[in-house]
Amino acid sequence: MSELGQVLQRAREEKGISLDDIQRVTKIQRRYLEAIERGHFHLLPGHFYARAFIKSYAEAVGLDPSQLLQHFQADLPAQQPQEQLERLRRRRAAAVNEPLQAGRWVTKTLLVLFVVLIIGVIYMAFVNSTGLDTSPTPGTDSASPPGVQTGTPQVPPAAQPPAPTPVQLPETTQPQDPAEVEEKATLTFESQQGSVYTFVLSPADKITVKVKATDRCWFEVREGSKKKGDGVMLKKGDEKVLEAPKNPTLVVGAPNAVQISVNDVPIDMSKIKFYPSLITIKPKQP
């Protein structure tokens, strides 16, 4: 057993590490580890692997591999000339293979590009050939030289005058009878005296009152100062359409709870402030 192997074995046993543990950490076969401890370096696969295995062993047991190899340099097997020659040959082969591999890669790339180019040229030629119309023109002989027509000459159709454009006459509108023209109703505020609001309606031949309740409200229609009928209590959402007398007076219990229009002209109820209020409608004097 060599002194180098004893140092490694002693360090391993002091740390309580087995050869199987060293094998699992360094990935070195157990038989090579046993050969290192016994000093049988000739059983290792060459000088280079012997140094590499000893270095890995030393690192696994916590020793400095550089100092260890330097101190026991004499115990290590000498490097054989054949091994040196083999290592040199491998380096040269690797250096030669690198440019060869690069050249092969470039060659394959150029080959692929060339194939793509050929396919593109064929495709463009096919597209151009299918886009041309080579069929002979009717009435011409395909065997005749270019520019010479044979057969029956084609006579251009006689020019026809353009069709006259129809003239649209303006529509004549019949004058409307003034009696048929309906005058738009207007409702104008005239005055206020206390809770009485007076509006002037034009025209006032027929007076229609529409009322819609937005809340509970008392509502009544009078003819002047006389009652035309009993008043009604409107609930929220109720709507009434009434034919009013010639000079109606509308009695509203809560002006803010109703919407009122006379002949489809709405009254601005926000300006009716009294509770209750009387709204008098009188026709416009001619």
C-alpha atoms as a PDB file:
ATOM      1  CA  MET A   1       0.000   0.000   0.000  1.00  0.00           C
ATOM      2  CA  SER A   2       1.381   3.407  -1.015  1.00  0.00           C
ATOM      3  CA  GLU A   3       1.598   6.374   1.331  1.00  0.00           C
ATOM      4  CA  LEU A   4      -0.807   8.340  -0.903  1.00  0.00           C
ATOM      5  CA  GLY A   5      -3.412   5.608  -0.622  1.00  0.00           C
ATOM      6  CA  GLN A   6      -2.940   5.473   3.174  1.00  0.00           C
ATOM      7  CA  VAL A   7      -3.502   9.238   3.473  1.00  0.00           C
ATOM      8  CA  LEU A   8      -6.715   9.046   1.476  1.00  0.00           C
ATOM      9  CA  GLN A   9      -7.985   5.965   3.354  1.00  0.00           C
ATOM     10  CA  ARG A  10      -7.200   7.526   6.762  1.00  0.00           C
ATOM     11  CA  ALA A  11      -9.035  10.731   5.836  1.00  0.00           C
ATOM     12  CA  ARG A  12     -12.039   8.735   4.650  1.00  0.00           C
ATOM     13  CA  GLU A  13     -12.226   6.624   7.819  1.00  0.00           C
ATOM     14  CA  GLU A  14     -11.877   9.665  10.086  1.00  0.00           C
ATOM     15  CA  LYS A  15     -14.938  11.203   8.449  1.00  0.00           C
ATOM     16  CA  GLY A  16     -16.840   7.920   8.645  1.00  0.00           C
ATOM     17  CA  ILE A  17     -17.301   7.690   4.877  1.00  0.00           C
ATOM     18  CA  SER A  18     -17.467   4.356   3.083  1.00  0.00           C
ATOM     19  CA  LEU A  19     -16.166   3.555  -0.381  1.00  0.00           C
ATOM     20  CA  ASP A  20     -19.780   3.289  -1.552  1.00  0.00           C
ATOM     21  CA  ASP A  21     -20.315   6.882  -0.408  1.00  0.00           C
ATOM     22  CA  ILE A  22     -17.232   7.994  -2.330  1.00  0.00           C
ATOM     23  CA  GLN A  23     -18.489   6.127  -5.399  1.00  0.00           C
ATOM     24  CA  ARG A  24     -21.898   7.803  -5.165  1.00  0.00           C
ATOM     25  CA  VAL A  25     -20.337  11.286  -4.856  1.00  0.00           C
ATOM     26  CA  THR A  26     -17.497  11.000  -7.405  1.00  0.00           C
ATOM     27  CA  LYS A  27     -19.170   8.528  -9.845  1.00  0.00           C
ATOM     28  CA  ILE A  28     -15.899   6.520  -9.785  1.00  0.00           C
ATOM     29  CA  GLN A  29     -16.218   2.744  -9.704  1.00  0.00           C
ATOM     30  CA  ARG A  30     -15.455   1.086  -6.365  1.00  0.00           C
ATOM     31  CA  ARG A  31     -12.723  -1.084  -7.835  1.00  0.00           C
ATOM     32  CA  TYR A  32     -10.786   2.002  -8.921  1.00  0.00           C
ATOM     33  CA  LEU A  33     -11.187   3.530  -5.455  1.00  0.00           C
ATOM     34  CA  GLU A  34      -9.832   0.350  -3.850  1.00  0.00           C
ATOM     35  CA  ALA A  35      -6.911   0.388  -6.312  1.00  0.00           C
ATOM     36  CA  ILE A  36      -6.067   3.990  -5.295  1.00  0.00           C
ATOM     37  CA  GLU A  37      -6.056   3.112  -1.576  1.00  0.00           C
ATOM     38  CA  ARG A  38      -3.812   0.069  -2.194  1.00  0.00           C
ATOM     39  CA  GLY A  39      -1.479   2.019  -4.503  1.00  0.00           C
ATOM     40  CA  HIS A  40      -2.297  -0.141  -7.532  1.00  0.00           C
ATOM     41  CA  PHE A  41      -2.295   2.787  -9.942  1.00  0.00           C
ATOM     42  CA  HIS A  42      -1.515   0.471 -12.852  1.00  0.00           C
ATOM     43  CA  LEU A  43      -5.127  -0.774 -12.612  1.00  0.00           C
ATOM     44  CA  LEU A  44      -6.449   2.725 -13.398  1.00  0.00           C
ATOM     45  CA  PRO A  45      -7.259   3.578 -17.064  1.00  0.00           C
ATOM     46  CA  GLY A  46      -4.199   5.729 -17.750  1.00  0.00           C
ATOM     47  CA  HIS A  47      -2.127   8.481 -16.131  1.00  0.00           C
ATOM     48  CA  PHE A  48      -4.671  11.192 -16.841  1.00  0.00           C
ATOM     49  CA  TYR A  49      -7.539   9.299 -15.217  1.00  0.00           C
ATOM     50  CA  ALA A  50      -5.321   8.359 -12.263  1.00  0.00           C
ATOM     51  CA  ARG A  51      -4.720  12.026 -11.419  1.00  0.00           C
ATOM     52  CA  ALA A  52      -8.384  12.895 -12.022  1.00  0.00           C
ATOM     53  CA  PHE A  53      -9.616  10.046  -9.804  1.00  0.00           C
ATOM     54  CA  ILE A  54      -7.161  10.937  -6.988  1.00  0.00           C
ATOM     55  CA  LYS A  55      -8.231  14.597  -7.214  1.00  0.00           C
ATOM     56  CA  SER A  56     -11.929  13.690  -6.951  1.00  0.00           C
ATOM     57  CA  TYR A  57     -11.222  11.291  -4.059  1.00  0.00           C
ATOM     58  CA  ALA A  58      -9.294  13.988  -2.166  1.00  0.00           C
ATOM     59  CA  GLU A  59     -12.084  16.561  -2.624  1.00  0.00           C
ATOM     60  CA  ALA A  60     -14.664  14.036  -1.386  1.00  0.00           C
ATOM     61  CA  VAL A  61     -12.770  13.462   1.916  1.00  0.00           C
ATOM     62  CA  GLY A  62     -11.934  17.169   2.451  1.00  0.00           C
ATOM     63  CA  LEU A  63      -8.257  17.234   1.399  1.00  0.00           C
ATOM     64  CA  ASP A  64      -6.552  19.784  -0.886  1.00  0.00           C
ATOM     65  CA  PRO A  65      -6.030  17.883  -4.163  1.00  0.00           C
ATOM     66  CA  SER A  66      -3.348  20.250  -5.506  1.00  0.00           C
ATOM     67  CA  GLN A  67      -1.090  19.940  -2.462  1.00  0.00           C
ATOM     68  CA  LEU A  68      -1.747  16.213  -2.281  1.00  0.00           C
ATOM     69  CA  LEU A  69      -0.749  15.583  -5.914  1.00  0.00           C
ATOM     70  CA  GLN A  70       2.305  17.843  -5.632  1.00  0.00           C
ATOM     71  CA  HIS A  71       3.506  16.130  -2.430  1.00  0.00           C
ATOM     72  CA  PHE A  72       3.046  12.587  -3.759  1.00  0.00           C
ATOM     73  CA  GLN A  73       4.144  13.298  -7.334  1.00  0.00           C
ATOM     74  CA  ALA A  74       6.695  10.488  -7.126  1.00  0.00           C
ATOM     75  CA  ASP A  75       4.042   7.911  -6.214  1.00  0.00           C
ATOM     76  CA  LEU A  76       1.951   8.644  -9.312  1.00  0.00           C
ATOM     77  CA  PRO A  77       2.506   6.524 -12.423  1.00  0.00           C
ATOM     78  CA  ALA A  78       4.545   8.158 -15.195  1.00  0.00           C
ATOM     79  CA  GLN A  79       2.654   9.211 -18.270  1.00  0.00           C
ATOM     80  CA  GLN A  80       3.209   6.723 -21.067  1.00  0.00           C
ATOM     81  CA  PRO A  81       4.358   7.997 -24.493  1.00  0.00           C
ATOM     82  CA  GLN A  82       1.553   6.104 -26.186  1.00  0.00           C
ATOM     83  CA  GLU A  83      -0.984   7.838 -23.957  1.00  0.00           C
ATOM     84  CA  GLN A  84       0.503  11.244 -24.757  1.00  0.00           C
ATOM     85  CA  LEU A  85       0.390  10.435 -28.463  1.00  0.00           C
ATOM     86  CA  GLU A  86      -3.243   9.309 -28.187  1.00  0.00           C
ATOM     87  CA  ARG A  87      -4.269  12.505 -26.372  1.00  0.00           C
ATOM     88  CA  LEU A  88      -2.471  14.637 -28.993  1.00  0.00           C
ATOM     89  CA  ARG A  89      -4.214  12.702 -31.771  1.00  0.00           C
ATOM     90  CA  ARG A  90      -7.613  13.269 -30.174  1.00  0.00           C
ATOM     91  CA  ARG A  91      -6.990  17.013 -29.897  1.00  0.00           C
ATOM     92  CA  ARG A  92      -5.995  17.235 -33.547  1.00  0.00           C
ATOM     93  CA  ALA A  93      -9.042  15.202 -34.634  1.00  0.00           C
ATOM     94  CA  ALA A  94     -11.343  17.472 -32.648  1.00  0.00           C
ATOM     95  CA  ALA A  95      -9.752  20.588 -34.170  1.00  0.00           C
ATOM     96  CA  VAL A  96     -10.156  19.143 -37.674  1.00  0.00           C
ATOM     97  CA  ASN A  97     -13.764  18.043 -37.095  1.00  0.00           C
ATOM     98  CA  GLU A  98     -14.896  21.495 -35.937  1.00  0.00           C
ATOM     99  CA  PRO A  99     -14.371  23.275 -39.294  1.00  0.00           C
ATOM    100  CA  LEU A 100     -15.690  20.188 -41.100  1.00  0.00           C
ATOM    101  CA  GLN A 101     -18.872  20.289 -39.071  1.00  0.00           C
ATOM    102  CA  ALA A 102     -19.210  24.014 -39.691  1.00  0.00           C
ATOM    103  CA  GLY A 103     -18.694  23.459 -43.406  1.00  0.00           C
ATOM    104  CA  ARG A 104     -21.336  20.730 -43.451  1.00  0.00           C
ATOM    105  CA  TRP A 105     -23.811  23.049 -41.735  1.00  0.00           C
ATOM    106  CA  VAL A 106     -23.155  25.798 -44.293  1.00  0.00           C
ATOM    107  CA  THR A 107     -23.498  23.306 -47.148  1.00  0.00           C
ATOM    108  CA  LYS A 108     -26.848  22.054 -45.855  1.00  0.00           C
ATOM    109  CA  THR A 109     -28.105  25.610 -45.449  1.00  0.00           C
ATOM    110  CA  LEU A 110     -27.099  26.563 -48.989  1.00  0.00           C
ATOM    111  CA  LEU A 111     -28.728  23.397 -50.327  1.00  0.00           C
ATOM    112  CA  VAL A 112     -32.030  24.217 -48.596  1.00  0.00           C
ATOM    113  CA  LEU A 113     -31.955  27.796 -49.897  1.00  0.00           C
ATOM    114  CA  PHE A 114     -31.247  26.544 -53.418  1.00  0.00           C
ATOM    115  CA  VAL A 115     -34.218  24.151 -53.280  1.00  0.00           C
ATOM    116  CA  VAL A 116     -36.477  26.955 -52.030  1.00  0.00           C
ATOM    117  CA  LEU A 117     -35.283  29.215 -54.849  1.00  0.00           C
ATOM    118  CA  ILE A 118     -35.998  26.552 -57.472  1.00  0.00           C
ATOM    119  CA  ILE A 119     -39.512  25.999 -56.080  1.00  0.00           C
ATOM    120  CA  GLY A 120     -40.141  29.763 -56.128  1.00  0.00           C
ATOM    121  CA  VAL A 121     -39.028  30.064 -59.774  1.00  0.00           C
ATOM    122  CA  ILE A 122     -41.258  27.152 -60.810  1.00  0.00           C
ATOM    123  CA  TYR A 123     -44.234  28.645 -58.960  1.00  0.00           C
ATOM    124  CA  MET A 124     -43.790  32.083 -60.572  1.00  0.00           C
ATOM    125  CA  ALA A 125     -43.488  30.500 -64.029  1.00  0.00           C
ATOM    126  CA  PHE A 126     -46.692  28.526 -63.441  1.00  0.00           C
ATOM    127  CA  VAL A 127     -48.595  31.614 -62.289  1.00  0.00           C
ATOM    128  CA  ASN A 128     -47.449  33.642 -65.283  1.00  0.00           C
ATOM    129  CA  SER A 129     -48.345  30.885 -67.733  1.00  0.00           C
ATOM    130  CA  THR A 130     -51.864  30.409 -66.346  1.00  0.00           C
ATOM    131  CA  GLY A 131     -52.520  34.185 -66.397  1.00  0.00           C
ATOM    132  CA  LEU A 132     -52.060  34.463 -70.237  1.00  0.00           C
ATOM    133  CA  ASP A 133     -54.978  33.849 -72.604  1.00  0.00           C
ATOM    134  CA  THR A 134     -53.590  31.954 -75.631  1.00  0.00           C
ATOM    135  CA  SER A 135     -56.953  30.957 -77.118  1.00  0.00           C
ATOM    136  CA  PRO A 136     -57.469  32.259 -80.687  1.00  0.00           C
ATOM    137  CA  THR A 137     -59.838  35.188 -81.229  1.00  0.00           C
ATOM    138  CA  PRO A 138     -63.170  34.149 -82.778  1.00  0.00           C
ATOM    139  CA  GLY A 139     -63.211  34.832 -86.519  1.00  0.00           C
ATOM    140  CA  THR A 140     -59.450  34.571 -86.945  1.00  0.00           C
ATOM    141  CA  ASP A 141     -57.301  31.724 -88.158  1.00  0.00           C
ATOM    142  CA  SER A 142     -54.852  30.506 -85.581  1.00  0.00           C
ATOM    143  CA  ALA A 143     -52.445  29.549 -88.373  1.00  0.00           C
ATOM    144  CA  SER A 144     -52.332  33.039 -89.830  1.00  0.00           C
ATOM    145  CA  PRO A 145     -49.349  35.213 -89.080  1.00  0.00           C
ATOM    146  CA  PRO A 146     -49.726  37.788 -86.335  1.00  0.00           C
ATOM    147  CA  GLY A 147     -51.509  40.982 -87.328  1.00  0.00           C
ATOM    148  CA  VAL A 148     -53.420  39.391 -90.267  1.00  0.00           C
ATOM    149  CA  GLN A 149     -57.116  38.565 -89.823  1.00  0.00           C
ATOM    150  CA  THR A 150     -58.936  36.040 -91.973  1.00  0.00           C
ATOM    151  CA  GLY A 151     -62.572  35.094 -92.329  1.00  0.00           C
ATOM    152  CA  THR A 152     -65.526  37.399 -92.146  1.00  0.00           C
ATOM    153  CA  PRO A 153     -64.549  40.913 -91.098  1.00  0.00           C
ATOM    154  CA  GLN A 154     -66.275  42.211 -88.031  1.00  0.00           C
ATOM    155  CA  VAL A 155     -68.469  45.221 -88.668  1.00  0.00           C
ATOM    156  CA  PRO A 156     -68.760  47.604 -85.744  1.00  0.00           C
ATOM    157  CA  PRO A 157     -72.356  48.151 -84.619  1.00  0.00           C
ATOM    158  CA  ALA A 158     -74.014  51.324 -85.833  1.00  0.00           C
ATOM    159  CA  ALA A 159     -73.811  54.152 -83.406  1.00  0.00           C
ATOM    160  CA  GLN A 160     -77.102  54.753 -81.694  1.00  0.00           C
ATOM    161  CA  PRO A 161     -78.110  58.144 -80.367  1.00  0.00           C
ATOM    162  CA  PRO A 162     -78.291  58.363 -76.610  1.00  0.00           C
ATOM    163  CA  ALA A 163     -81.691  57.856 -75.071  1.00  0.00           C
ATOM    164  CA  PRO A 164     -83.339  61.115 -74.078  1.00  0.00           C
ATOM    165  CA  THR A 165     -83.240  61.867 -70.413  1.00  0.00           C
ATOM    166  CA  PRO A 166     -86.752  62.185 -68.975  1.00  0.00           C
ATOM    167  CA  VAL A 167     -87.482  65.640 -67.683  1.00  0.00           C
ATOM    168  CA  GLN A 168     -89.252  65.777 -64.374  1.00  0.00           C
ATOM    169  CA  LEU A 169     -91.740  68.609 -64.177  1.00  0.00           C
ATOM    170  CA  PRO A 170     -92.137  70.299 -60.836  1.00  0.00           C
ATOM    171  CA  GLU A 171     -95.152  69.147 -58.949  1.00  0.00           C
ATOM    172  CA  THR A 172     -97.867  71.719 -58.730  1.00  0.00           C
ATOM    173  CA  THR A 173     -99.239  72.145 -55.289  1.00  0.00           C
ATOM    174  CA  GLN A 174    -102.878  72.871 -54.926  1.00  0.00           C
ATOM    175  CA  PRO A 175    -103.562  75.877 -52.755  1.00  0.00           C
ATOM    176  CA  GLN A 176    -105.086  74.848 -49.485  1.00  0.00           C
ATOM    177  CA  ASP A 177    -108.369  76.188 -48.368  1.00  0.00           C
ATOM    178  CA  PRO A 178    -107.698  78.627 -45.534  1.00  0.00           C
ATOM    179  CA  ALA A 179    -110.525  77.000 -43.643  1.00  0.00           C
ATOM    180  CA  GLU A 180    -108.677  73.651 -43.777  1.00  0.00           C
ATOM    181  CA  VAL A 181    -105.464  75.053 -42.314  1.00  0.00           C
ATOM    182  CA  GLU A 182    -105.599  74.350 -38.601  1.00  0.00           C
ATOM    183  CA  GLU A 183    -104.187  77.128 -36.506  1.00  0.00           C
ATOM    184  CA  LYS A 184    -101.755  75.985 -33.824  1.00  0.00           C
ATOM    185  CA  ALA A 185    -103.016  76.615 -30.310  1.00  0.00           C
ATOM    186  CA  THR A 186    -101.203  79.093 -28.059  1.00  0.00           C
ATOM    187  CA  LEU A 187    -101.620  79.534 -24.317  1.00  0.00           C
ATOM    188  CA  THR A 188    -100.275  82.784 -22.861  1.00  0.00           C
ATOM    189  CA  PHE A 189    -100.016  83.756 -19.199  1.00  0.00           C
ATOM    190  CA  GLU A 190    -101.873  87.044 -18.607  1.00  0.00           C
ATOM    191  CA  SER A 191    -102.078  87.817 -14.899  1.00  0.00           C
ATOM    192  CA  GLN A 192    -102.171  86.534 -11.320  1.00  0.00           C
ATOM    193  CA  GLN A 193    -104.347  87.745  -8.456  1.00  0.00           C
ATOM    194  CA  GLY A 194    -103.646  85.785  -5.285  1.00  0.00           C
ATOM    195  CA  SER A 195    -104.335  82.145  -6.034  1.00  0.00           C
ATOM    196  CA  VAL A 196    -106.062  82.906  -9.353  1.00  0.00           C
ATOM    197  CA  TYR A 197    -103.914  82.506 -12.510  1.00  0.00           C
ATOM    198  CA  THR A 198    -105.323  83.708 -15.845  1.00  0.00           C
ATOM    199  CA  PHE A 199    -104.221  82.351 -19.232  1.00  0.00           C
ATOM    200  CA  VAL A 200    -105.347  83.425 -22.724  1.00  0.00           C
ATOM    201  CA  LEU A 201    -106.035  80.623 -25.236  1.00  0.00           C
ATOM    202  CA  SER A 202    -106.092  81.019 -29.019  1.00  0.00           C
ATOM    203  CA  PRO A 203    -108.000  79.580 -30.803  1.00  0.00           C
ATOM    204  CA  ALA A 204    -110.658  78.698 -28.245  1.00  0.00           C
ATOM    205  CA  ASP A 205    -113.471  77.223 -30.327  1.00  0.00           C
ATOM    206  CA  LYS A 206    -113.031  73.926 -28.500  1.00  0.00           C
ATOM    207  CA  ILE A 207    -111.207  73.449 -25.223  1.00  0.00           C
ATOM    208  CA  THR A 208    -109.814  70.075 -24.206  1.00  0.00           C
ATOM    209  CA  VAL A 209    -108.095  69.669 -20.843  1.00  0.00           C
ATOM    210  CA  LYS A 210    -105.703  66.784 -20.127  1.00  0.00           C
ATOM    211  CA  VAL A 211    -104.556  66.170 -16.576  1.00  0.00           C
ATOM    212  CA  LYS A 212    -102.149  63.507 -15.260  1.00  0.00           C
ATOM    213  CA  ALA A 213    -101.495  62.996 -11.571  1.00  0.00           C
ATOM    214  CA  THR A 214     -97.941  62.417 -10.360  1.00  0.00           C
ATOM    215  CA  ASP A 215     -99.242  62.165  -6.788  1.00  0.00           C
ATOM    216  CA  ARG A 216    -102.583  62.414  -4.912  1.00  0.00           C
ATOM    217  CA  CYS A 217    -104.392  65.629  -5.917  1.00  0.00           C
ATOM    218  CA  TRP A 218    -107.852  67.157  -5.907  1.00  0.00           C
ATOM    219  CA  PHE A 219    -109.017  68.401  -9.324  1.00  0.00           C
ATOM    220  CA  GLU A 220    -112.213  70.139 -10.478  1.00  0.00           C
ATOM    221  CA  VAL A 221    -113.456  71.927 -13.647  1.00  0.00           C
ATOM    222  CA  ARG A 222    -115.810  74.892 -13.311  1.00  0.00           C
ATOM    223  CA  GLU A 223    -117.604  77.051 -15.859  1.00  0.00           C
ATOM    224  CA  GLY A 224    -116.571  80.525 -14.815  1.00  0.00           C
ATOM    225  CA  SER A 225    -117.335  80.605 -11.103  1.00  0.00           C
ATOM    226  CA  LYS A 226    -119.959  77.842 -11.326  1.00  0.00           C
ATOM    227  CA  LYS A 227    -119.273  74.188 -10.810  1.00  0.00           C
ATOM    228  CA  LYS A 228    -119.714  72.046 -13.870  1.00  0.00           C
ATOM    229  CA  GLY A 229    -119.573  68.845 -11.922  1.00  0.00           C
ATOM    230  CA  ASP A 230    -118.200  67.181  -8.860  1.00  0.00           C
ATOM    231  CA  GLY A 231    -114.468  67.259  -8.352  1.00  0.00           C
ATOM    232  CA  VAL A 232    -112.356  64.103  -8.326  1.00  0.00           C
ATOM    233  CA  MET A 233    -109.463  62.853  -6.218  1.00  0.00           C
ATOM    234  CA  LEU A 234    -106.736  61.736  -8.538  1.00  0.00           C
ATOM    235  CA  LYS A 235    -104.275  59.063  -7.481  1.00  0.00           C
ATOM    236  CA  LYS A 236    -100.723  58.779  -8.739  1.00  0.00           C
ATOM    237  CA  GLY A 237    -100.757  57.724 -12.396  1.00  0.00           C
ATOM    238  CA  ASP A 238    -104.400  58.694 -13.063  1.00  0.00           C
ATOM    239  CA  GLU A 239    -105.070  60.500 -16.345  1.00  0.00           C
ATOM    240  CA  LYS A 240    -108.198  62.437 -17.346  1.00  0.00           C
ATOM    241  CA  VAL A 241    -109.229  64.025 -20.658  1.00  0.00           C
ATOM    242  CA  LEU A 242    -112.106  66.495 -20.272  1.00  0.00           C
ATOM    243  CA  GLU A 243    -114.078  68.683 -22.645  1.00  0.00           C
ATOM    244  CA  ALA A 244    -114.098  72.038 -20.871  1.00  0.00           C
ATOM    245  CA  PRO A 245    -116.733  74.805 -21.193  1.00  0.00           C
ATOM    246  CA  LYS A 246    -116.060  78.042 -23.042  1.00  0.00           C
ATOM    247  CA  ASN A 247    -114.591  79.904 -20.039  1.00  0.00           C
ATOM    248  CA  PRO A 248    -113.265  77.129 -17.790  1.00  0.00           C
ATOM    249  CA  THR A 249    -111.677  77.468 -14.392  1.00  0.00           C
ATOM    250  CA  LEU A 250    -109.486  74.596 -13.213  1.00  0.00           C
ATOM    251  CA  VAL A 251    -109.296  74.017  -9.477  1.00  0.00           C
ATOM    252  CA  VAL A 252    -106.086  72.254  -8.478  1.00  0.00           C
ATOM    253  CA  GLY A 253    -105.529  71.140  -4.885  1.00  0.00           C
ATOM    254  CA  ALA A 254    -101.767  70.455  -5.248  1.00  0.00           C
ATOM    255  CA  PRO A 255    -100.232  72.066  -8.347  1.00  0.00           C
ATOM    256  CA  ASN A 256     -96.950  70.208  -7.916  1.00  0.00           C
ATOM    257  CA  ALA A 257     -98.746  66.853  -8.129  1.00  0.00           C
ATOM    258  CA  VAL A 258    -100.317  67.203 -11.592  1.00  0.00           C
ATOM    259  CA  GLN A 259     -99.408  67.859 -15.220  1.00  0.00           C
ATOM    260  CA  ILE A 260    -102.016  69.893 -17.129  1.00  0.00           C
ATOM    261  CA  SER A 261    -102.254  70.765 -20.832  1.00  0.00           C
ATOM    262  CA  VAL A 262    -104.962  72.774 -22.632  1.00  0.00           C
ATOM    263  CA  ASN A 263    -105.457  71.916 -26.325  1.00  0.00           C
ATOM    264  CA  ASP A 264    -102.118  70.019 -26.090  1.00  0.00           C
ATOM    265  CA  VAL A 265    -100.306  73.119 -24.797  1.00  0.00           C
ATOM    266  CA  PRO A 266     -98.747  72.317 -21.395  1.00  0.00           C
ATOM    267  CA  ILE A 267     -99.025  74.703 -18.444  1.00  0.00           C
ATOM    268  CA  ASP A 268     -95.812  75.338 -16.472  1.00  0.00           C
ATOM    269  CA  MET A 269     -97.056  74.070 -13.101  1.00  0.00           C
ATOM    270  CA  SER A 270     -93.790  75.072 -11.382  1.00  0.00           C
ATOM    271  CA  LYS A 271     -95.053  78.673 -11.446  1.00  0.00           C
ATOM    272  CA  ILE A 272     -98.351  77.785  -9.720  1.00  0.00           C
ATOM    273  CA  LYS A 273     -97.466  78.255  -6.046  1.00  0.00           C
ATOM    274  CA  PHE A 274    -100.767  78.410  -4.117  1.00  0.00           C
ATOM    275  CA  TYR A 275    -102.507  75.425  -2.528  1.00  0.00           C
ATOM    276  CA  PRO A 276    -105.185  75.206  -3.847  1.00  0.00           C
ATOM    277  CA  SER A 277    -104.960  77.267  -7.064  1.00  0.00           C
ATOM    278  CA  LEU A 278    -107.494  78.364  -9.651  1.00  0.00           C
ATOM    279  CA  ILE A 279    -106.443  78.414 -13.312  1.00  0.00           C
ATOM    280  CA  THR A 280    -108.769  80.463 -15.516  1.00  0.00           C
ATOM    281  CA  ILE A 281    -108.727  79.933 -19.284  1.00  0.00           C
ATOM    282  CA  LYS A 282    -110.256  82.680 -21.412  1.00  0.00           C
ATOM    283  CA  PRO A 283    -110.388  82.903 -25.199  1.00  0.00           C
ATOM    284  CA  LYS A 284    -108.354  85.492 -27.001  1.00  0.00           C
ATOM    285  CA  GLN A 285    -110.375  88.488 -28.126  1.00  0.00           C
ATOM    286  CA  PRO A 286    -110.348  89.119 -31.877  1.00  0.00           C
END
